[in-house]
Amino acid sequence: MLEEIILYISSVDVVWLYCILFFFAFIENIFPPSPSDVVVVAGASLIASTSLGFIPVLFITSIGSSLGFMLMYYLGMYLSEHVLRSGKLKFISQNSIDKTDKWFTKYGYKLIIANRFMPGTRSVISFFSGVSELDKIKTFVYATISAFVWNILLVYLGMSVGNNIELIDYYLSTYSNIALIITGIILAIWLIRFFIIKNRKSGK
């Protein structure tokens, strides 16, 4: 897949290439299976051989990521008010929503900063940031910082390895696998701790 992406984007006009990079950066928070990181790395690999610029690529992809994050944030805020807190979903209790609010109030901004480094959870974090109605400006600033730092790494990777498709694929897949394992371990520890605390309280 990566080879086809590089071949395609190397054949389009630079303006359209910037549009493609923006689109994939934007859409990832909305449609997580989108190969956005791959497209950004592939685009960055063309900086040396085309008129693409490091700063424009970094700016466009970071703003695209931030705007996609905020779209999911506003979707979460809308559904929170009109669906989740309205009692329309009987299997979601107000107590569960209150606990989510408290948890995101305590850890939400830290998660937003880390969200770009956590494959598979980005859309979830952005959505529940909106559900918990975290501050809009702080959310956008932190999401932009996270996207900016992550995209620096992606663009640098693309520029460093050039068109070495196998190496790009190896780096991205290895990181994604490691990050998913770590995220899974953290989630498992949190769930175990949650049920232990719950059982202790019910035992009393």
C-alpha atoms as a PDB file:
ATOM      1  CA  MET A   1       0.000   0.000   0.000  1.00  0.00           C
ATOM      2  CA  LEU A   2       2.762   2.432   0.920  1.00  0.00           C
ATOM      3  CA  GLU A   3       4.430   2.010  -2.452  1.00  0.00           C
ATOM      4  CA  GLU A   4       1.183   2.839  -4.264  1.00  0.00           C
ATOM      5  CA  ILE A   5       0.661   5.925  -2.068  1.00  0.00           C
ATOM      6  CA  ILE A   6       4.147   7.267  -2.806  1.00  0.00           C
ATOM      7  CA  LEU A   7       3.775   6.615  -6.532  1.00  0.00           C
ATOM      8  CA  TYR A   8       0.440   8.417  -6.630  1.00  0.00           C
ATOM      9  CA  ILE A   9       1.303  11.500  -4.583  1.00  0.00           C
ATOM     10  CA  SER A  10       4.599  11.945  -6.429  1.00  0.00           C
ATOM     11  CA  SER A  11       2.631  12.337  -9.668  1.00  0.00           C
ATOM     12  CA  VAL A  12       0.215  15.078  -8.543  1.00  0.00           C
ATOM     13  CA  ASP A  13       0.659  18.853  -8.520  1.00  0.00           C
ATOM     14  CA  VAL A  14       2.207  20.332  -5.373  1.00  0.00           C
ATOM     15  CA  VAL A  15      -0.960  22.262  -4.480  1.00  0.00           C
ATOM     16  CA  TRP A  16      -3.013  19.081  -4.648  1.00  0.00           C
ATOM     17  CA  LEU A  17      -0.359  17.285  -2.647  1.00  0.00           C
ATOM     18  CA  TYR A  18      -0.741  19.812   0.155  1.00  0.00           C
ATOM     19  CA  CYS A  19      -4.518  19.292  -0.033  1.00  0.00           C
ATOM     20  CA  ILE A  20      -4.054  15.520   0.210  1.00  0.00           C
ATOM     21  CA  LEU A  21      -1.794  15.870   3.257  1.00  0.00           C
ATOM     22  CA  PHE A  22      -4.304  18.201   4.934  1.00  0.00           C
ATOM     23  CA  PHE A  23      -7.219  15.866   4.167  1.00  0.00           C
ATOM     24  CA  PHE A  24      -5.556  12.749   5.581  1.00  0.00           C
ATOM     25  CA  ALA A  25      -4.344  14.611   8.670  1.00  0.00           C
ATOM     26  CA  PHE A  26      -7.878  15.931   9.204  1.00  0.00           C
ATOM     27  CA  ILE A  27      -9.777  12.699   8.556  1.00  0.00           C
ATOM     28  CA  GLU A  28      -7.785  10.470  10.903  1.00  0.00           C
ATOM     29  CA  ASN A  29      -9.644  11.602  14.036  1.00  0.00           C
ATOM     30  CA  ILE A  30     -12.956  10.991  12.278  1.00  0.00           C
ATOM     31  CA  PHE A  31     -12.061   7.730  10.536  1.00  0.00           C
ATOM     32  CA  PRO A  32      -9.244   6.051  12.543  1.00  0.00           C
ATOM     33  CA  PRO A  33      -8.462   3.324   9.959  1.00  0.00           C
ATOM     34  CA  SER A  34      -7.274   6.095   7.612  1.00  0.00           C
ATOM     35  CA  PRO A  35      -3.530   5.632   6.853  1.00  0.00           C
ATOM     36  CA  SER A  36      -2.833   9.267   7.734  1.00  0.00           C
ATOM     37  CA  ASP A  37       0.595   8.792   9.300  1.00  0.00           C
ATOM     38  CA  VAL A  38       1.696   6.752   6.306  1.00  0.00           C
ATOM     39  CA  VAL A  39       0.551   9.460   3.896  1.00  0.00           C
ATOM     40  CA  VAL A  40       2.358  12.189   5.881  1.00  0.00           C
ATOM     41  CA  VAL A  41       5.601  10.205   5.919  1.00  0.00           C
ATOM     42  CA  ALA A  42       5.235   9.407   2.239  1.00  0.00           C
ATOM     43  CA  GLY A  43       4.630  13.084   1.458  1.00  0.00           C
ATOM     44  CA  ALA A  44       7.610  14.150   3.548  1.00  0.00           C
ATOM     45  CA  SER A  45       9.808  11.724   1.642  1.00  0.00           C
ATOM     46  CA  LEU A  46       9.196  13.893  -1.450  1.00  0.00           C
ATOM     47  CA  ILE A  47      10.449  17.131   0.125  1.00  0.00           C
ATOM     48  CA  ALA A  48      13.956  16.638  -1.240  1.00  0.00           C
ATOM     49  CA  SER A  49      12.798  15.859  -4.787  1.00  0.00           C
ATOM     50  CA  THR A  50       9.841  18.286  -5.186  1.00  0.00           C
ATOM     51  CA  SER A  51       8.966  21.846  -4.252  1.00  0.00           C
ATOM     52  CA  LEU A  52       7.276  20.684  -1.056  1.00  0.00           C
ATOM     53  CA  GLY A  53       8.600  22.575   1.964  1.00  0.00           C
ATOM     54  CA  PHE A  54       9.297  21.269   5.451  1.00  0.00           C
ATOM     55  CA  ILE A  55       7.480  24.122   7.247  1.00  0.00           C
ATOM     56  CA  PRO A  56       4.366  24.096   4.988  1.00  0.00           C
ATOM     57  CA  VAL A  57       4.033  20.312   5.323  1.00  0.00           C
ATOM     58  CA  LEU A  58       4.437  20.524   9.094  1.00  0.00           C
ATOM     59  CA  PHE A  59       1.963  23.409   9.405  1.00  0.00           C
ATOM     60  CA  ILE A  60      -0.695  21.936   7.110  1.00  0.00           C
ATOM     61  CA  THR A  61      -0.644  18.470   8.656  1.00  0.00           C
ATOM     62  CA  SER A  62      -0.655  19.838  12.227  1.00  0.00           C
ATOM     63  CA  ILE A  63      -3.577  22.198  11.601  1.00  0.00           C
ATOM     64  CA  GLY A  64      -5.423  19.408   9.773  1.00  0.00           C
ATOM     65  CA  SER A  65      -4.961  17.094  12.754  1.00  0.00           C
ATOM     66  CA  SER A  66      -6.082  19.782  15.202  1.00  0.00           C
ATOM     67  CA  LEU A  67      -9.214  20.649  13.227  1.00  0.00           C
ATOM     68  CA  GLY A  68     -10.133  16.960  12.919  1.00  0.00           C
ATOM     69  CA  PHE A  69      -9.668  16.626  16.675  1.00  0.00           C
ATOM     70  CA  MET A  70     -11.922  19.615  17.315  1.00  0.00           C
ATOM     71  CA  LEU A  71     -14.630  18.288  14.984  1.00  0.00           C
ATOM     72  CA  MET A  72     -14.834  15.131  17.105  1.00  0.00           C
ATOM     73  CA  TYR A  73     -14.714  17.321  20.216  1.00  0.00           C
ATOM     74  CA  TYR A  74     -17.789  19.268  19.073  1.00  0.00           C
ATOM     75  CA  LEU A  75     -19.525  16.040  18.047  1.00  0.00           C
ATOM     76  CA  GLY A  76     -18.917  14.691  21.551  1.00  0.00           C
ATOM     77  CA  MET A  77     -20.217  17.932  23.073  1.00  0.00           C
ATOM     78  CA  TYR A  78     -23.353  17.843  20.890  1.00  0.00           C
ATOM     79  CA  LEU A  79     -24.156  14.186  21.602  1.00  0.00           C
ATOM     80  CA  SER A  80     -23.410  14.704  25.285  1.00  0.00           C
ATOM     81  CA  GLU A  81     -26.084  17.370  25.544  1.00  0.00           C
ATOM     82  CA  HIS A  82     -28.699  15.903  23.191  1.00  0.00           C
ATOM     83  CA  VAL A  83     -28.225  12.159  23.699  1.00  0.00           C
ATOM     84  CA  LEU A  84     -25.963  11.007  26.553  1.00  0.00           C
ATOM     85  CA  ARG A  85     -27.218  13.356  29.284  1.00  0.00           C
ATOM     86  CA  SER A  86     -30.818  13.342  28.101  1.00  0.00           C
ATOM     87  CA  GLY A  87     -31.431   9.798  29.272  1.00  0.00           C
ATOM     88  CA  LYS A  88     -32.270   8.540  25.791  1.00  0.00           C
ATOM     89  CA  LEU A  89     -29.695   5.745  26.092  1.00  0.00           C
ATOM     90  CA  LYS A  90     -30.970   3.672  29.006  1.00  0.00           C
ATOM     91  CA  PHE A  91     -27.813   1.554  29.210  1.00  0.00           C
ATOM     92  CA  ILE A  92     -25.703   4.657  30.007  1.00  0.00           C
ATOM     93  CA  SER A  93     -26.330   5.869  33.536  1.00  0.00           C
ATOM     94  CA  GLN A  94     -25.846   9.412  34.797  1.00  0.00           C
ATOM     95  CA  ASN A  95     -23.421   7.995  37.349  1.00  0.00           C
ATOM     96  CA  SER A  96     -21.203   6.656  34.551  1.00  0.00           C
ATOM     97  CA  ILE A  97     -21.252  10.034  32.813  1.00  0.00           C
ATOM     98  CA  ASP A  98     -20.349  11.798  36.070  1.00  0.00           C
ATOM     99  CA  LYS A  99     -17.395   9.460  36.598  1.00  0.00           C
ATOM    100  CA  THR A 100     -16.214  10.074  33.030  1.00  0.00           C
ATOM    101  CA  ASP A 101     -16.482  13.830  33.614  1.00  0.00           C
ATOM    102  CA  LYS A 102     -14.409  13.642  36.791  1.00  0.00           C
ATOM    103  CA  TRP A 103     -11.810  11.419  35.142  1.00  0.00           C
ATOM    104  CA  PHE A 104     -11.453  13.651  32.085  1.00  0.00           C
ATOM    105  CA  THR A 105     -11.392  16.790  34.242  1.00  0.00           C
ATOM    106  CA  LYS A 106      -8.418  15.288  36.083  1.00  0.00           C
ATOM    107  CA  TYR A 107      -6.528  13.629  33.205  1.00  0.00           C
ATOM    108  CA  GLY A 108      -8.144  14.964  30.019  1.00  0.00           C
ATOM    109  CA  TYR A 109      -5.582  17.611  29.083  1.00  0.00           C
ATOM    110  CA  LYS A 110      -2.706  15.193  29.662  1.00  0.00           C
ATOM    111  CA  LEU A 111      -4.423  12.711  27.353  1.00  0.00           C
ATOM    112  CA  ILE A 112      -4.880  15.403  24.703  1.00  0.00           C
ATOM    113  CA  ILE A 113      -1.155  16.193  24.806  1.00  0.00           C
ATOM    114  CA  ALA A 114      -0.351  12.489  24.449  1.00  0.00           C
ATOM    115  CA  ASN A 115      -3.144  11.608  22.001  1.00  0.00           C
ATOM    116  CA  ARG A 116      -1.060  11.768  18.792  1.00  0.00           C
ATOM    117  CA  PHE A 117       1.348   9.223  20.261  1.00  0.00           C
ATOM    118  CA  MET A 118      -1.449   6.758  21.059  1.00  0.00           C
ATOM    119  CA  PRO A 119      -2.615   4.995  17.880  1.00  0.00           C
ATOM    120  CA  GLY A 120      -6.155   3.668  18.034  1.00  0.00           C
ATOM    121  CA  THR A 121      -7.323   6.019  20.798  1.00  0.00           C
ATOM    122  CA  ARG A 122      -7.129   9.443  19.122  1.00  0.00           C
ATOM    123  CA  SER A 123     -10.767   9.700  18.088  1.00  0.00           C
ATOM    124  CA  VAL A 124     -11.895   8.363  21.480  1.00  0.00           C
ATOM    125  CA  ILE A 125      -9.911  11.014  23.352  1.00  0.00           C
ATOM    126  CA  SER A 126     -11.175  13.826  21.149  1.00  0.00           C
ATOM    127  CA  PHE A 127     -14.793  12.633  21.428  1.00  0.00           C
ATOM    128  CA  PHE A 128     -14.791  12.311  25.217  1.00  0.00           C
ATOM    129  CA  SER A 129     -12.997  15.626  25.600  1.00  0.00           C
ATOM    130  CA  GLY A 130     -16.140  17.093  24.073  1.00  0.00           C
ATOM    131  CA  VAL A 131     -18.465  14.916  26.141  1.00  0.00           C
ATOM    132  CA  SER A 132     -16.777  16.205  29.309  1.00  0.00           C
ATOM    133  CA  GLU A 133     -16.834  19.742  27.890  1.00  0.00           C
ATOM    134  CA  LEU A 134     -13.188  20.531  28.495  1.00  0.00           C
ATOM    135  CA  ASP A 135     -12.181  24.123  27.787  1.00  0.00           C
ATOM    136  CA  LYS A 136     -12.307  24.714  24.018  1.00  0.00           C
ATOM    137  CA  ILE A 137      -9.247  26.932  23.741  1.00  0.00           C
ATOM    138  CA  LYS A 138      -7.038  24.771  25.960  1.00  0.00           C
ATOM    139  CA  THR A 139      -8.208  21.674  24.104  1.00  0.00           C
ATOM    140  CA  PHE A 140      -7.337  23.184  20.715  1.00  0.00           C
ATOM    141  CA  VAL A 141      -3.940  24.448  21.922  1.00  0.00           C
ATOM    142  CA  TYR A 142      -2.981  21.099  23.467  1.00  0.00           C
ATOM    143  CA  ALA A 143      -4.229  19.162  20.442  1.00  0.00           C
ATOM    144  CA  THR A 144      -2.158  21.418  18.173  1.00  0.00           C
ATOM    145  CA  ILE A 145       0.964  20.988  20.301  1.00  0.00           C
ATOM    146  CA  SER A 146       0.524  17.218  20.265  1.00  0.00           C
ATOM    147  CA  ALA A 147      -0.005  17.181  16.487  1.00  0.00           C
ATOM    148  CA  PHE A 148       2.939  19.521  15.902  1.00  0.00           C
ATOM    149  CA  VAL A 149       5.413  17.400  17.892  1.00  0.00           C
ATOM    150  CA  TRP A 150       4.165  14.139  16.352  1.00  0.00           C
ATOM    151  CA  ASN A 151       4.282  15.516  12.817  1.00  0.00           C
ATOM    152  CA  ILE A 152       7.832  16.802  13.312  1.00  0.00           C
ATOM    153  CA  LEU A 153       8.805  13.185  13.923  1.00  0.00           C
ATOM    154  CA  LEU A 154       6.818  11.934  10.916  1.00  0.00           C
ATOM    155  CA  VAL A 155       8.188  14.575   8.543  1.00  0.00           C
ATOM    156  CA  TYR A 156      11.727  14.002   9.772  1.00  0.00           C
ATOM    157  CA  LEU A 157      11.274  10.261   9.301  1.00  0.00           C
ATOM    158  CA  GLY A 158      10.031  10.771   5.761  1.00  0.00           C
ATOM    159  CA  MET A 159      12.916  13.086   4.890  1.00  0.00           C
ATOM    160  CA  SER A 160      15.480  10.746   6.466  1.00  0.00           C
ATOM    161  CA  VAL A 161      14.500   7.495   4.828  1.00  0.00           C
ATOM    162  CA  GLY A 162      13.415   8.983   1.493  1.00  0.00           C
ATOM    163  CA  ASN A 163      11.726   6.422  -0.706  1.00  0.00           C
ATOM    164  CA  ASN A 164      12.923   3.438   1.304  1.00  0.00           C
ATOM    165  CA  ILE A 165       9.447   1.938   1.498  1.00  0.00           C
ATOM    166  CA  GLU A 166      10.396  -1.119   3.511  1.00  0.00           C
ATOM    167  CA  LEU A 167      12.129   0.967   6.183  1.00  0.00           C
ATOM    168  CA  ILE A 168       9.218   3.416   6.474  1.00  0.00           C
ATOM    169  CA  ASP A 169       6.747   0.563   6.809  1.00  0.00           C
ATOM    170  CA  TYR A 170       8.949  -1.148   9.391  1.00  0.00           C
ATOM    171  CA  TYR A 171       9.275   1.946  11.588  1.00  0.00           C
ATOM    172  CA  LEU A 172       5.573   2.823  11.509  1.00  0.00           C
ATOM    173  CA  SER A 173       4.277  -0.713  12.056  1.00  0.00           C
ATOM    174  CA  THR A 174       6.789  -1.365  14.859  1.00  0.00           C
ATOM    175  CA  TYR A 175       5.852   1.836  16.677  1.00  0.00           C
ATOM    176  CA  SER A 176       2.116   1.222  16.250  1.00  0.00           C
ATOM    177  CA  ASN A 177       2.416  -2.310  17.624  1.00  0.00           C
ATOM    178  CA  ILE A 178       4.473  -1.193  20.617  1.00  0.00           C
ATOM    179  CA  ALA A 179       2.148   1.734  21.349  1.00  0.00           C
ATOM    180  CA  LEU A 180      -0.950  -0.474  21.117  1.00  0.00           C
ATOM    181  CA  ILE A 181       0.594  -3.031  23.487  1.00  0.00           C
ATOM    182  CA  ILE A 182       1.493  -0.332  26.019  1.00  0.00           C
ATOM    183  CA  THR A 183      -1.961   1.236  25.731  1.00  0.00           C
ATOM    184  CA  GLY A 184      -3.553  -2.191  26.189  1.00  0.00           C
ATOM    185  CA  ILE A 185      -1.466  -2.883  29.293  1.00  0.00           C
ATOM    186  CA  ILE A 186      -2.371   0.493  30.818  1.00  0.00           C
ATOM    187  CA  LEU A 187      -6.053  -0.085  30.067  1.00  0.00           C
ATOM    188  CA  ALA A 188      -5.922  -3.601  31.560  1.00  0.00           C
ATOM    189  CA  ILE A 189      -4.276  -2.287  34.751  1.00  0.00           C
ATOM    190  CA  TRP A 190      -6.888   0.453  35.018  1.00  0.00           C
ATOM    191  CA  LEU A 191      -9.768  -2.025  34.550  1.00  0.00           C
ATOM    192  CA  ILE A 192      -8.330  -4.436  37.120  1.00  0.00           C
ATOM    193  CA  ARG A 193      -7.891  -1.595  39.595  1.00  0.00           C
ATOM    194  CA  PHE A 194     -11.414  -0.338  38.882  1.00  0.00           C
ATOM    195  CA  PHE A 195     -13.038  -3.720  39.532  1.00  0.00           C
ATOM    196  CA  ILE A 196     -10.943  -4.328  42.671  1.00  0.00           C
ATOM    197  CA  ILE A 197     -12.056  -0.984  44.112  1.00  0.00           C
ATOM    198  CA  LYS A 198     -15.664  -1.654  43.080  1.00  0.00           C
ATOM    199  CA  ASN A 199     -15.658  -5.100  44.730  1.00  0.00           C
ATOM    200  CA  ARG A 200     -14.191  -3.685  47.918  1.00  0.00           C
ATOM    201  CA  LYS A 201     -16.900  -1.033  48.097  1.00  0.00           C
ATOM    202  CA  SER A 202     -19.663  -3.563  47.400  1.00  0.00           C
ATOM    203  CA  GLY A 203     -18.185  -5.864  50.066  1.00  0.00           C
ATOM    204  CA  LYS A 204     -18.656  -3.163  52.650  1.00  0.00           C
END
